[in-house]
Amino acid sequence: MAHDEPIDVRLTADSLAKWRAAEQAAAVARRGTLAAQAATAAADMAEEAARTTAVAARAALEAATLAEGSAMKTAEAAKAAALAAKADHVDAGAESAMADADAAMAHQEYKDAVQRAKERNR
């Protein structure tokens, strides 16, 4: 284009409008790319968090299973101890009753002996 040719204002305005539209489209595309990158990073973090949670859940399940087994053994030991204590209590009660009966009989024998001694000394 030579310097002395007239400028077509419409052609210049149309070119400017196309350039602005292209710049806007490029900006939108850049924002879309950034959003997609952010979404990909978030998805990667979510995947890692899910894997970590699964590992923790597995460990928790194993711990709960061990705790349940330990609790069952403790309950069985407590039951055995309670049964032994009850048996000891019954035995102690019977021994106490026998001792009381022996003491009562011995006391009666003493009273009888005292009475016989009194009767002989009269």
PDB file of N, CA and C in Angstrom:
ATOM      1  N   MET A   1       0.850  -1.146   0.000  1.00  0.00           N
ATOM      2  CA  MET A   1       0.000   0.000   0.000  1.00  0.00           C
ATOM      3  C   MET A   1       0.907   1.223   0.000  1.00  0.00           C
ATOM      4  N   ALA A   2       0.665   2.124  -0.883  1.00  0.00           N
ATOM      5  CA  ALA A   2       1.461   3.351  -0.995  1.00  0.00           C
ATOM      6  C   ALA A   2       0.909   4.387  -0.040  1.00  0.00           C
ATOM      7  N   HIS A   3       1.698   5.411   0.192  1.00  0.00           N
ATOM      8  CA  HIS A   3       1.321   6.416   1.175  1.00  0.00           C
ATOM      9  C   HIS A   3       0.209   7.310   0.678  1.00  0.00           C
ATOM     10  N   ASP A   4       0.047   7.376  -0.537  1.00  0.00           N
ATOM     11  CA  ASP A   4      -0.950   8.300  -1.052  1.00  0.00           C
ATOM     12  C   ASP A   4      -2.315   7.647  -1.288  1.00  0.00           C
ATOM     13  N   GLU A   5      -2.461   6.358  -0.988  1.00  0.00           N
ATOM     14  CA  GLU A   5      -3.761   5.697  -1.165  1.00  0.00           C
ATOM     15  C   GLU A   5      -4.653   6.035   0.027  1.00  0.00           C
ATOM     16  N   PRO A   6      -5.960   6.181  -0.217  1.00  0.00           N
ATOM     17  CA  PRO A   6      -6.864   6.504   0.896  1.00  0.00           C
ATOM     18  C   PRO A   6      -7.044   5.287   1.833  1.00  0.00           C
ATOM     19  N   ILE A   7      -7.240   5.552   3.142  1.00  0.00           N
ATOM     20  CA  ILE A   7      -7.431   4.487   4.144  1.00  0.00           C
ATOM     21  C   ILE A   7      -8.913   4.132   4.168  1.00  0.00           C
ATOM     22  N   ASP A   8      -9.170   2.840   4.043  1.00  0.00           N
ATOM     23  CA  ASP A   8     -10.561   2.360   4.125  1.00  0.00           C
ATOM     24  C   ASP A   8     -10.882   2.168   5.608  1.00  0.00           C
ATOM     25  N   VAL A   9     -11.638   3.054   6.176  1.00  0.00           N
ATOM     26  CA  VAL A   9     -11.941   3.054   7.612  1.00  0.00           C
ATOM     27  C   VAL A   9     -12.723   1.809   7.996  1.00  0.00           C
ATOM     28  N   ARG A  10     -13.648   1.409   7.109  1.00  0.00           N
ATOM     29  CA  ARG A  10     -14.439   0.213   7.433  1.00  0.00           C
ATOM     30  C   ARG A  10     -13.564  -1.012   7.509  1.00  0.00           C
ATOM     31  N   LEU A  11     -12.667  -1.163   6.598  1.00  0.00           N
ATOM     32  CA  LEU A  11     -11.759  -2.301   6.581  1.00  0.00           C
ATOM     33  C   LEU A  11     -10.870  -2.285   7.828  1.00  0.00           C
ATOM     34  N   THR A  12     -10.419  -1.120   8.227  1.00  0.00           N
ATOM     35  CA  THR A  12      -9.581  -0.992   9.424  1.00  0.00           C
ATOM     36  C   THR A  12     -10.402  -1.327  10.672  1.00  0.00           C
ATOM     37  N   ALA A  13     -11.612  -0.843  10.760  1.00  0.00           N
ATOM     38  CA  ALA A  13     -12.478  -1.110  11.914  1.00  0.00           C
ATOM     39  C   ALA A  13     -12.815  -2.598  11.992  1.00  0.00           C
ATOM     40  N   ASP A  14     -13.102  -3.219  10.854  1.00  0.00           N
ATOM     41  CA  ASP A  14     -13.398  -4.652  10.834  1.00  0.00           C
ATOM     42  C   ASP A  14     -12.170  -5.451  11.285  1.00  0.00           C
ATOM     43  N   SER A  15     -11.011  -5.040  10.814  1.00  0.00           N
ATOM     44  CA  SER A  15      -9.779  -5.739  11.205  1.00  0.00           C
ATOM     45  C   SER A  15      -9.533  -5.611  12.701  1.00  0.00           C
ATOM     46  N   LEU A  16      -9.788  -4.410  13.249  1.00  0.00           N
ATOM     47  CA  LEU A  16      -9.620  -4.189  14.690  1.00  0.00           C
ATOM     48  C   LEU A  16     -10.608  -5.041  15.478  1.00  0.00           C
ATOM     49  N   ALA A  17     -11.841  -5.124  15.029  1.00  0.00           N
ATOM     50  CA  ALA A  17     -12.863  -5.925  15.715  1.00  0.00           C
ATOM     51  C   ALA A  17     -12.487  -7.408  15.684  1.00  0.00           C
ATOM     52  N   LYS A  18     -11.982  -7.871  14.543  1.00  0.00           N
ATOM     53  CA  LYS A  18     -11.562  -9.280  14.453  1.00  0.00           C
ATOM     54  C   LYS A  18     -10.381  -9.553  15.386  1.00  0.00           C
ATOM     55  N   TRP A  19      -9.461  -8.596  15.442  1.00  0.00           N
ATOM     56  CA  TRP A  19      -8.295  -8.757  16.315  1.00  0.00           C
ATOM     57  C   TRP A  19      -8.731  -8.817  17.782  1.00  0.00           C
ATOM     58  N   ARG A  20      -9.638  -7.925  18.179  1.00  0.00           N
ATOM     59  CA  ARG A  20     -10.143  -7.925  19.560  1.00  0.00           C
ATOM     60  C   ARG A  20     -10.867  -9.227  19.872  1.00  0.00           C
ATOM     61  N   ALA A  21     -11.677  -9.710  18.963  1.00  0.00           N
ATOM     62  CA  ALA A  21     -12.392 -10.977  19.163  1.00  0.00           C
ATOM     63  C   ALA A  21     -11.406 -12.132  19.302  1.00  0.00           C
ATOM     64  N   ALA A  22     -10.359 -12.103  18.473  1.00  0.00           N
ATOM     65  CA  ALA A  22      -9.354 -13.162  18.550  1.00  0.00           C
ATOM     66  C   ALA A  22      -8.608 -13.092  19.884  1.00  0.00           C
ATOM     67  N   GLU A  23      -8.288 -11.879  20.357  1.00  0.00           N
ATOM     68  CA  GLU A  23      -7.621 -11.704  21.650  1.00  0.00           C
ATOM     69  C   GLU A  23      -8.517 -12.215  22.790  1.00  0.00           C
ATOM     70  N   GLN A  24      -9.807 -11.903  22.727  1.00  0.00           N
ATOM     71  CA  GLN A  24     -10.743 -12.372  23.750  1.00  0.00           C
ATOM     72  C   GLN A  24     -10.846 -13.892  23.739  1.00  0.00           C
ATOM     73  N   ALA A  25     -10.921 -14.467  22.556  1.00  0.00           N
ATOM     74  CA  ALA A  25     -10.990 -15.925  22.438  1.00  0.00           C
ATOM     75  C   ALA A  25      -9.727 -16.565  23.011  1.00  0.00           C
ATOM     76  N   ALA A  26      -8.575 -15.940  22.738  1.00  0.00           N
ATOM     77  CA  ALA A  26      -7.313 -16.471  23.267  1.00  0.00           C
ATOM     78  C   ALA A  26      -7.293 -16.383  24.794  1.00  0.00           C
ATOM     79  N   ALA A  27      -7.793 -15.264  25.356  1.00  0.00           N
ATOM     80  CA  ALA A  27      -7.836 -15.103  26.813  1.00  0.00           C
ATOM     81  C   ALA A  27      -8.759 -16.151  27.442  1.00  0.00           C
ATOM     82  N   VAL A  28      -9.906 -16.363  26.823  1.00  0.00           N
ATOM     83  CA  VAL A  28     -10.838 -17.385  27.326  1.00  0.00           C
ATOM     84  C   VAL A  28     -10.190 -18.764  27.268  1.00  0.00           C
ATOM     85  N   ALA A  29      -9.494 -19.040  26.188  1.00  0.00           N
ATOM     86  CA  ALA A  29      -8.829 -20.339  26.044  1.00  0.00           C
ATOM     87  C   ALA A  29      -7.745 -20.510  27.109  1.00  0.00           C
ATOM     88  N   ARG A  30      -6.984 -19.417  27.395  1.00  0.00           N
ATOM     89  CA  ARG A  30      -5.961 -19.498  28.445  1.00  0.00           C
ATOM     90  C   ARG A  30      -6.591 -19.767  29.803  1.00  0.00           C
ATOM     91  N   ARG A  31      -7.699 -19.081  30.096  1.00  0.00           N
ATOM     92  CA  ARG A  31      -8.405 -19.314  31.368  1.00  0.00           C
ATOM     93  C   ARG A  31      -8.916 -20.750  31.442  1.00  0.00           C
ATOM     94  N   GLY A  32      -9.408 -21.259  30.333  1.00  0.00           N
ATOM     95  CA  GLY A  32      -9.872 -22.654  30.294  1.00  0.00           C
ATOM     96  C   GLY A  32      -8.742 -23.630  30.549  1.00  0.00           C
ATOM     97  N   THR A  33      -7.576 -23.342  29.977  1.00  0.00           N
ATOM     98  CA  THR A  33      -6.404 -24.200  30.189  1.00  0.00           C
ATOM     99  C   THR A  33      -6.004 -24.195  31.658  1.00  0.00           C
ATOM    100  N   LEU A  34      -5.969 -22.994  32.253  1.00  0.00           N
ATOM    101  CA  LEU A  34      -5.621 -22.897  33.677  1.00  0.00           C
ATOM    102  C   LEU A  34      -6.639 -23.632  34.544  1.00  0.00           C
ATOM    103  N   ALA A  35      -7.903 -23.503  34.213  1.00  0.00           N
ATOM    104  CA  ALA A  35      -8.949 -24.199  34.974  1.00  0.00           C
ATOM    105  C   ALA A  35      -8.796 -25.711  34.844  1.00  0.00           C
ATOM    106  N   ALA A  36      -8.491 -26.168  33.642  1.00  0.00           N
ATOM    107  CA  ALA A  36      -8.303 -27.608  33.432  1.00  0.00           C
ATOM    108  C   ALA A  36      -7.088 -28.113  34.204  1.00  0.00           C
ATOM    109  N   GLN A  37      -6.013 -27.318  34.236  1.00  0.00           N
ATOM    110  CA  GLN A  37      -4.827 -27.711  35.012  1.00  0.00           C
ATOM    111  C   GLN A  37      -5.158 -27.787  36.500  1.00  0.00           C
ATOM    112  N   ALA A  38      -5.908 -26.802  36.987  1.00  0.00           N
ATOM    113  CA  ALA A  38      -6.295 -26.804  38.396  1.00  0.00           C
ATOM    114  C   ALA A  38      -7.190 -28.003  38.712  1.00  0.00           C
ATOM    115  N   ALA A  39      -8.110 -28.312  37.818  1.00  0.00           N
ATOM    116  CA  ALA A  39      -8.992 -29.467  38.027  1.00  0.00           C
ATOM    117  C   ALA A  39      -8.199 -30.766  38.031  1.00  0.00           C
ATOM    118  N   THR A  40      -7.201 -30.872  37.157  1.00  0.00           N
ATOM    119  CA  THR A  40      -6.356 -32.073  37.117  1.00  0.00           C
ATOM    120  C   THR A  40      -5.570 -32.221  38.412  1.00  0.00           C
ATOM    121  N   ALA A  41      -5.008 -31.110  38.903  1.00  0.00           N
ATOM    122  CA  ALA A  41      -4.254 -31.152  40.161  1.00  0.00           C
ATOM    123  C   ALA A  41      -5.173 -31.548  41.318  1.00  0.00           C
ATOM    124  N   ALA A  42      -6.379 -30.997  41.343  1.00  0.00           N
ATOM    125  CA  ALA A  42      -7.339 -31.343  42.404  1.00  0.00           C
ATOM    126  C   ALA A  42      -7.723 -32.815  42.325  1.00  0.00           C
ATOM    127  N   ALA A  43      -7.904 -33.316  41.119  1.00  0.00           N
ATOM    128  CA  ALA A  43      -8.244 -34.735  40.958  1.00  0.00           C
ATOM    129  C   ALA A  43      -7.104 -35.625  41.437  1.00  0.00           C
ATOM    130  N   ASP A  44      -5.865 -35.229  41.139  1.00  0.00           N
ATOM    131  CA  ASP A  44      -4.707 -36.002  41.611  1.00  0.00           C
ATOM    132  C   ASP A  44      -4.646 -36.018  43.138  1.00  0.00           C
ATOM    133  N   MET A  45      -4.883 -34.861  43.750  1.00  0.00           N
ATOM    134  CA  MET A  45      -4.879 -34.806  45.223  1.00  0.00           C
ATOM    135  C   MET A  45      -6.006 -35.651  45.813  1.00  0.00           C
ATOM    136  N   ALA A  46      -7.171 -35.600  45.195  1.00  0.00           N
ATOM    137  CA  ALA A  46      -8.306 -36.395  45.674  1.00  0.00           C
ATOM    138  C   ALA A  46      -8.009 -37.884  45.566  1.00  0.00           C
ATOM    139  N   GLU A  47      -7.364 -38.291  44.478  1.00  0.00           N
ATOM    140  CA  GLU A  47      -7.011 -39.702  44.309  1.00  0.00           C
ATOM    141  C   GLU A  47      -6.038 -40.133  45.407  1.00  0.00           C
ATOM    142  N   GLU A  48      -5.030 -39.318  45.681  1.00  0.00           N
ATOM    143  CA  GLU A  48      -4.050 -39.646  46.723  1.00  0.00           C
ATOM    144  C   GLU A  48      -4.725 -39.698  48.092  1.00  0.00           C
ATOM    145  N   ALA A  49      -5.620 -38.764  48.344  1.00  0.00           N
ATOM    146  CA  ALA A  49      -6.350 -38.762  49.620  1.00  0.00           C
ATOM    147  C   ALA A  49      -7.208 -40.016  49.753  1.00  0.00           C
ATOM    148  N   ALA A  50      -7.841 -40.426  48.678  1.00  0.00           N
ATOM    149  CA  ALA A  50      -8.665 -41.644  48.715  1.00  0.00           C
ATOM    150  C   ALA A  50      -7.808 -42.872  48.993  1.00  0.00           C
ATOM    151  N   ARG A  51      -6.635 -42.939  48.374  1.00  0.00           N
ATOM    152  CA  ARG A  51      -5.733 -44.077  48.620  1.00  0.00           C
ATOM    153  C   ARG A  51      -5.282 -44.092  50.088  1.00  0.00           C
ATOM    154  N   THR A  52      -4.911 -42.926  50.604  1.00  0.00           N
ATOM    155  CA  THR A  52      -4.478 -42.825  51.996  1.00  0.00           C
ATOM    156  C   THR A  52      -5.610 -43.212  52.943  1.00  0.00           C
ATOM    157  N   THR A  53      -6.813 -42.769  52.624  1.00  0.00           N
ATOM    158  CA  THR A  53      -7.974 -43.116  53.449  1.00  0.00           C
ATOM    159  C   THR A  53      -8.219 -44.624  53.423  1.00  0.00           C
ATOM    160  N   ALA A  54      -8.059 -45.242  52.276  1.00  0.00           N
ATOM    161  CA  ALA A  54      -8.247 -46.697  52.178  1.00  0.00           C
ATOM    162  C   ALA A  54      -7.220 -47.436  53.028  1.00  0.00           C
ATOM    163  N   VAL A  55      -5.974 -46.967  52.995  1.00  0.00           N
ATOM    164  CA  VAL A  55      -4.924 -47.589  53.816  1.00  0.00           C
ATOM    165  C   VAL A  55      -5.269 -47.433  55.297  1.00  0.00           C
ATOM    166  N   ALA A  56      -5.691 -46.235  55.688  1.00  0.00           N
ATOM    167  CA  ALA A  56      -6.047 -45.987  57.087  1.00  0.00           C
ATOM    168  C   ALA A  56      -7.247 -46.836  57.510  1.00  0.00           C
ATOM    169  N   ALA A  57      -8.224 -46.965  56.624  1.00  0.00           N
ATOM    170  CA  ALA A  57      -9.406 -47.777  56.937  1.00  0.00           C
ATOM    171  C   ALA A  57      -9.021 -49.244  57.114  1.00  0.00           C
ATOM    172  N   ARG A  58      -8.106 -49.724  56.264  1.00  0.00           N
ATOM    173  CA  ARG A  58      -7.640 -51.104  56.382  1.00  0.00           C
ATOM    174  C   ARG A  58      -6.937 -51.313  57.728  1.00  0.00           C
ATOM    175  N   ALA A  59      -6.093 -50.359  58.105  1.00  0.00           N
ATOM    176  CA  ALA A  59      -5.378 -50.450  59.382  1.00  0.00           C
ATOM    177  C   ALA A  59      -6.357 -50.396  60.551  1.00  0.00           C
ATOM    178  N   ALA A  60      -7.373 -49.551  60.438  1.00  0.00           N
ATOM    179  CA  ALA A  60      -8.378 -49.448  61.491  1.00  0.00           C
ATOM    180  C   ALA A  60      -9.163 -50.754  61.626  1.00  0.00           C
ATOM    181  N   LEU A  61      -9.479 -51.369  60.503  1.00  0.00           N
ATOM    182  CA  LEU A  61     -10.194 -52.641  60.534  1.00  0.00           C
ATOM    183  C   LEU A  61      -9.349 -53.715  61.204  1.00  0.00           C
ATOM    184  N   GLU A  62      -8.051 -53.756  60.861  1.00  0.00           N
ATOM    185  CA  GLU A  62      -7.167 -54.735  61.482  1.00  0.00           C
ATOM    186  C   GLU A  62      -7.067 -54.503  62.983  1.00  0.00           C
ATOM    187  N   ALA A  63      -6.959 -53.233  63.381  1.00  0.00           N
ATOM    188  CA  ALA A  63      -6.881 -52.897  64.803  1.00  0.00           C
ATOM    189  C   ALA A  63      -8.178 -53.284  65.518  1.00  0.00           C
ATOM    190  N   ALA A  64      -9.303 -53.019  64.888  1.00  0.00           N
ATOM    191  CA  ALA A  64     -10.597 -53.363  65.495  1.00  0.00           C
ATOM    192  C   ALA A  64     -10.743 -54.873  65.629  1.00  0.00           C
ATOM    193  N   THR A  65     -10.271 -55.608  64.652  1.00  0.00           N
ATOM    194  CA  THR A  65     -10.335 -57.071  64.714  1.00  0.00           C
ATOM    195  C   THR A  65      -9.478 -57.592  65.857  1.00  0.00           C
ATOM    196  N   LEU A  66      -8.264 -57.041  66.000  1.00  0.00           N
ATOM    197  CA  LEU A  66      -7.399 -57.441  67.120  1.00  0.00           C
ATOM    198  C   LEU A  66      -8.037 -57.073  68.460  1.00  0.00           C
ATOM    199  N   ALA A  67      -8.616 -55.887  68.535  1.00  0.00           N
ATOM    200  CA  ALA A  67      -9.261 -55.446  69.775  1.00  0.00           C
ATOM    201  C   ALA A  67     -10.437 -56.350  70.123  1.00  0.00           C
ATOM    202  N   GLU A  68     -11.188 -56.766  69.119  1.00  0.00           N
ATOM    203  CA  GLU A  68     -12.323 -57.660  69.364  1.00  0.00           C
ATOM    204  C   GLU A  68     -11.829 -58.997  69.918  1.00  0.00           C
ATOM    205  N   GLY A  69     -10.779 -59.543  69.333  1.00  0.00           N
ATOM    206  CA  GLY A  69     -10.224 -60.809  69.822  1.00  0.00           C
ATOM    207  C   GLY A  69      -9.724 -60.676  71.237  1.00  0.00           C
ATOM    208  N   SER A  70      -9.044 -59.579  71.532  1.00  0.00           N
ATOM    209  CA  SER A  70      -8.540 -59.343  72.881  1.00  0.00           C
ATOM    210  C   SER A  70      -9.691 -59.192  73.874  1.00  0.00           C
ATOM    211  N   ALA A  71     -10.731 -58.491  73.466  1.00  0.00           N
ATOM    212  CA  ALA A  71     -11.896 -58.308  74.334  1.00  0.00           C
ATOM    213  C   ALA A  71     -12.577 -59.647  74.626  1.00  0.00           C
ATOM    214  N   MET A  72     -12.662 -60.510  73.633  1.00  0.00           N
ATOM    215  CA  MET A  72     -13.268 -61.828  73.840  1.00  0.00           C
ATOM    216  C   MET A  72     -12.445 -62.647  74.839  1.00  0.00           C
ATOM    217  N   LYS A  73     -11.109 -62.610  74.687  1.00  0.00           N
ATOM    218  CA  LYS A  73     -10.246 -63.345  75.617  1.00  0.00           C
ATOM    219  C   LYS A  73     -10.378 -62.781  77.027  1.00  0.00           C
ATOM    220  N   THR A  74     -10.462 -61.459  77.133  1.00  0.00           N
ATOM    221  CA  THR A  74     -10.627 -60.827  78.439  1.00  0.00           C
ATOM    222  C   THR A  74     -11.953 -61.235  79.066  1.00  0.00           C
ATOM    223  N   ALA A  75     -13.002 -61.275  78.264  1.00  0.00           N
ATOM    224  CA  ALA A  75     -14.317 -61.683  78.772  1.00  0.00           C
ATOM    225  C   ALA A  75     -14.292 -63.133  79.239  1.00  0.00           C
ATOM    226  N   GLU A  76     -13.619 -63.992  78.487  1.00  0.00           N
ATOM    227  CA  GLU A  76     -13.517 -65.398  78.897  1.00  0.00           C
ATOM    228  C   GLU A  76     -12.733 -65.526  80.201  1.00  0.00           C
ATOM    229  N   ALA A  77     -11.645 -64.767  80.334  1.00  0.00           N
ATOM    230  CA  ALA A  77     -10.858 -64.804  81.568  1.00  0.00           C
ATOM    231  C   ALA A  77     -11.666 -64.264  82.737  1.00  0.00           C
ATOM    232  N   ALA A  78     -12.435 -63.206  82.515  1.00  0.00           N
ATOM    233  CA  ALA A  78     -13.274 -62.641  83.573  1.00  0.00           C
ATOM    234  C   ALA A  78     -14.347 -63.630  84.002  1.00  0.00           C
ATOM    235  N   LYS A  79     -14.917 -64.347  83.049  1.00  0.00           N
ATOM    236  CA  LYS A  79     -15.943 -65.343  83.369  1.00  0.00           C
ATOM    237  C   LYS A  79     -15.338 -66.466  84.210  1.00  0.00           C
ATOM    238  N   ALA A  80     -14.148 -66.933  83.813  1.00  0.00           N
ATOM    239  CA  ALA A  80     -13.485 -67.995  84.570  1.00  0.00           C
ATOM    240  C   ALA A  80     -13.151 -67.520  85.978  1.00  0.00           C
ATOM    241  N   ALA A  81     -12.683 -66.268  86.096  1.00  0.00           N
ATOM    242  CA  ALA A  81     -12.358 -65.720  87.418  1.00  0.00           C
ATOM    243  C   ALA A  81     -13.617 -65.594  88.266  1.00  0.00           C
ATOM    244  N   ALA A  82     -14.712 -65.173  87.657  1.00  0.00           N
ATOM    245  CA  ALA A  82     -15.971 -65.041  88.395  1.00  0.00           C
ATOM    246  C   ALA A  82     -16.463 -66.404  88.869  1.00  0.00           C
ATOM    247  N   LEU A  83     -16.376 -67.409  88.008  1.00  0.00           N
ATOM    248  CA  LEU A  83     -16.804 -68.755  88.414  1.00  0.00           C
ATOM    249  C   LEU A  83     -15.932 -69.280  89.555  1.00  0.00           C
ATOM    250  N   ALA A  84     -14.630 -69.049  89.475  1.00  0.00           N
ATOM    251  CA  ALA A  84     -13.728 -69.495  90.540  1.00  0.00           C
ATOM    252  C   ALA A  84     -14.028 -68.763  91.835  1.00  0.00           C
ATOM    253  N   ALA A  85     -14.300 -67.465  91.735  1.00  0.00           N
ATOM    254  CA  ALA A  85     -14.624 -66.685  92.931  1.00  0.00           C
ATOM    255  C   ALA A  85     -15.925 -67.167  93.561  1.00  0.00           C
ATOM    256  N   LYS A  86     -16.903 -67.492  92.731  1.00  0.00           N
ATOM    257  CA  LYS A  86     -18.175 -68.013  93.262  1.00  0.00           C
ATOM    258  C   LYS A  86     -17.957 -69.351  93.963  1.00  0.00           C
ATOM    259  N   ALA A  87     -17.155 -70.207  93.326  1.00  0.00           N
ATOM    260  CA  ALA A  87     -16.869 -71.509  93.940  1.00  0.00           C
ATOM    261  C   ALA A  87     -16.132 -71.317  95.263  1.00  0.00           C
ATOM    262  N   ASP A  88     -15.151 -70.402  95.287  1.00  0.00           N
ATOM    263  CA  ASP A  88     -14.437 -70.110  96.528  1.00  0.00           C
ATOM    264  C   ASP A  88     -15.381 -69.572  97.586  1.00  0.00           C
ATOM    265  N   HIS A  89     -16.317 -68.716  97.170  1.00  0.00           N
ATOM    266  CA  HIS A  89     -17.287 -68.159  98.110  1.00  0.00           C
ATOM    267  C   HIS A  89     -18.162 -69.250  98.702  1.00  0.00           C
ATOM    268  N   VAL A  90     -18.628 -70.148  97.848  1.00  0.00           N
ATOM    269  CA  VAL A  90     -19.462 -71.261  98.330  1.00  0.00           C
ATOM    270  C   VAL A  90     -18.656 -72.139  99.288  1.00  0.00           C
ATOM    271  N   ASP A  91     -17.410 -72.463  98.893  1.00  0.00           N
ATOM    272  CA  ASP A  91     -16.553 -73.283  99.761  1.00  0.00           C
ATOM    273  C   ASP A  91     -16.293 -72.584 101.084  1.00  0.00           C
ATOM    274  N   ALA A  92     -16.011 -71.276 101.030  1.00  0.00           N
ATOM    275  CA  ALA A  92     -15.753 -70.531 102.254  1.00  0.00           C
ATOM    276  C   ALA A  92     -16.989 -70.501 103.139  1.00  0.00           C
ATOM    277  N   GLY A  93     -18.139 -70.375 102.530  1.00  0.00           N
ATOM    278  CA  GLY A  93     -19.399 -70.386 103.303  1.00  0.00           C
ATOM    279  C   GLY A  93     -19.616 -71.733 103.975  1.00  0.00           C
ATOM    280  N   ALA A  94     -19.340 -72.795 103.230  1.00  0.00           N
ATOM    281  CA  ALA A  94     -19.519 -74.138 103.799  1.00  0.00           C
ATOM    282  C   ALA A  94     -18.509 -74.360 104.923  1.00  0.00           C
ATOM    283  N   GLU A  95     -17.262 -73.959 104.723  1.00  0.00           N
ATOM    284  CA  GLU A  95     -16.243 -74.110 105.762  1.00  0.00           C
ATOM    285  C   GLU A  95     -16.594 -73.296 106.995  1.00  0.00           C
ATOM    286  N   SER A  96     -17.118 -72.081 106.761  1.00  0.00           N
ATOM    287  CA  SER A  96     -17.522 -71.230 107.884  1.00  0.00           C
ATOM    288  C   SER A  96     -18.668 -71.869 108.657  1.00  0.00           C
ATOM    289  N   ALA A  97     -19.628 -72.420 107.944  1.00  0.00           N
ATOM    290  CA  ALA A  97     -20.763 -73.072 108.601  1.00  0.00           C
ATOM    291  C   ALA A  97     -20.288 -74.289 109.397  1.00  0.00           C
ATOM    292  N   MET A  98     -19.356 -75.056 108.817  1.00  0.00           N
ATOM    293  CA  MET A  98     -18.823 -76.234 109.527  1.00  0.00           C
ATOM    294  C   MET A  98     -18.056 -75.790 110.771  1.00  0.00           C
ATOM    295  N   ALA A  99     -17.269 -74.717 110.642  1.00  0.00           N
ATOM    296  CA  ALA A  99     -16.506 -74.217 111.789  1.00  0.00           C
ATOM    297  C   ALA A  99     -17.452 -73.725 112.873  1.00  0.00           C
ATOM    298  N   ASP A 100     -18.522 -73.046 112.470  1.00  0.00           N
ATOM    299  CA  ASP A 100     -19.513 -72.582 113.451  1.00  0.00           C
ATOM    300  C   ASP A 100     -20.162 -73.768 114.152  1.00  0.00           C
ATOM    301  N   ALA A 101     -20.483 -74.803 113.376  1.00  0.00           N
ATOM    302  CA  ALA A 101     -21.095 -75.997 113.968  1.00  0.00           C
ATOM    303  C   ALA A 101     -20.118 -76.681 114.917  1.00  0.00           C
ATOM    304  N   ASP A 102     -18.856 -76.811 114.513  1.00  0.00           N
ATOM    305  CA  ASP A 102     -17.834 -77.409 115.395  1.00  0.00           C
ATOM    306  C   ASP A 102     -17.677 -76.593 116.665  1.00  0.00           C
ATOM    307  N   ALA A 103     -17.667 -75.252 116.529  1.00  0.00           N
ATOM    308  CA  ALA A 103     -17.537 -74.392 117.700  1.00  0.00           C
ATOM    309  C   ALA A 103     -18.735 -74.553 118.613  1.00  0.00           C
ATOM    310  N   ALA A 104     -19.919 -74.632 118.049  1.00  0.00           N
ATOM    311  CA  ALA A 104     -21.133 -74.797 118.853  1.00  0.00           C
ATOM    312  C   ALA A 104     -21.110 -76.139 119.577  1.00  0.00           C
ATOM    313  N   MET A 105     -20.668 -77.190 118.858  1.00  0.00           N
ATOM    314  CA  MET A 105     -20.594 -78.513 119.496  1.00  0.00           C
ATOM    315  C   MET A 105     -19.540 -78.521 120.605  1.00  0.00           C
ATOM    316  N   ALA A 106     -18.389 -77.899 120.339  1.00  0.00           N
ATOM    317  CA  ALA A 106     -17.335 -77.839 121.356  1.00  0.00           C
ATOM    318  C   ALA A 106     -17.807 -77.043 122.565  1.00  0.00           C
ATOM    319  N   HIS A 107     -18.527 -75.958 122.312  1.00  0.00           N
ATOM    320  CA  HIS A 107     -19.058 -75.164 123.417  1.00  0.00           C
ATOM    321  C   HIS A 107     -20.051 -75.984 124.240  1.00  0.00           C
ATOM    322  N   GLN A 108     -20.891 -76.716 123.539  1.00  0.00           N
ATOM    323  CA  GLN A 108     -21.873 -77.554 124.263  1.00  0.00           C
ATOM    324  C   GLN A 108     -21.162 -78.644 125.065  1.00  0.00           C
ATOM    325  N   GLU A 109     -20.133 -79.248 124.470  1.00  0.00           N
ATOM    326  CA  GLU A 109     -19.367 -80.272 125.199  1.00  0.00           C
ATOM    327  C   GLU A 109     -18.716 -79.668 126.440  1.00  0.00           C
ATOM    328  N   TYR A 110     -18.192 -78.441 126.318  1.00  0.00           N
ATOM    329  CA  TYR A 110     -17.598 -77.760 127.475  1.00  0.00           C
ATOM    330  C   TYR A 110     -18.645 -77.530 128.548  1.00  0.00           C
ATOM    331  N   LYS A 111     -19.822 -77.029 128.124  1.00  0.00           N
ATOM    332  CA  LYS A 111     -20.882 -76.788 129.106  1.00  0.00           C
ATOM    333  C   LYS A 111     -21.287 -78.095 129.785  1.00  0.00           C
ATOM    334  N   ASP A 112     -21.376 -79.170 129.007  1.00  0.00           N
ATOM    335  CA  ASP A 112     -21.727 -80.469 129.578  1.00  0.00           C
ATOM    336  C   ASP A 112     -20.653 -80.937 130.567  1.00  0.00           C
ATOM    337  N   ALA A 113     -19.385 -80.741 130.202  1.00  0.00           N
ATOM    338  CA  ALA A 113     -18.284 -81.146 131.086  1.00  0.00           C
ATOM    339  C   ALA A 113     -18.323 -80.354 132.379  1.00  0.00           C
ATOM    340  N   VAL A 114     -18.591 -79.046 132.266  1.00  0.00           N
ATOM    341  CA  VAL A 114     -18.694 -78.206 133.475  1.00  0.00           C
ATOM    342  C   VAL A 114     -19.839 -78.692 134.340  1.00  0.00           C
ATOM    343  N   GLN A 115     -20.947 -79.000 133.732  1.00  0.00           N
ATOM    344  CA  GLN A 115     -22.122 -79.474 134.479  1.00  0.00           C
ATOM    345  C   GLN A 115     -21.819 -80.791 135.182  1.00  0.00           C
ATOM    346  N   ARG A 116     -21.142 -81.702 134.500  1.00  0.00           N
ATOM    347  CA  ARG A 116     -20.793 -82.992 135.120  1.00  0.00           C
ATOM    348  C   ARG A 116     -19.831 -82.780 136.295  1.00  0.00           C
ATOM    349  N   ALA A 117     -18.899 -81.846 136.100  1.00  0.00           N
ATOM    350  CA  ALA A 117     -17.928 -81.570 137.172  1.00  0.00           C
ATOM    351  C   ALA A 117     -18.658 -80.991 138.379  1.00  0.00           C
ATOM    352  N   LYS A 118     -19.633 -80.156 138.190  1.00  0.00           N
ATOM    353  CA  LYS A 118     -20.396 -79.571 139.279  1.00  0.00           C
ATOM    354  C   LYS A 118     -21.173 -80.662 140.007  1.00  0.00           C
ATOM    355  N   GLU A 119     -21.740 -81.568 139.248  1.00  0.00           N
ATOM    356  CA  GLU A 119     -22.547 -82.626 139.846  1.00  0.00           C
ATOM    357  C   GLU A 119     -21.668 -83.578 140.646  1.00  0.00           C
ATOM    358  N   ARG A 120     -20.465 -83.842 140.231  1.00  0.00           N
ATOM    359  CA  ARG A 120     -19.570 -84.718 140.967  1.00  0.00           C
ATOM    360  C   ARG A 120     -19.066 -84.050 142.244  1.00  0.00           C
ATOM    361  N   ASN A 121     -18.935 -82.754 142.200  1.00  0.00           N
ATOM    362  CA  ASN A 121     -18.415 -82.026 143.349  1.00  0.00           C
ATOM    363  C   ASN A 121     -19.504 -81.711 144.357  1.00  0.00           C
ATOM    364  N   ARG A 122     -20.650 -82.081 144.197  1.00  0.00           N
ATOM    365  CA  ARG A 122     -21.728 -81.818 145.135  1.00  0.00           C
ATOM    366  C   ARG A 122     -21.791 -82.841 146.164  1.00  0.00           C
TER     367      ARG A 122
END
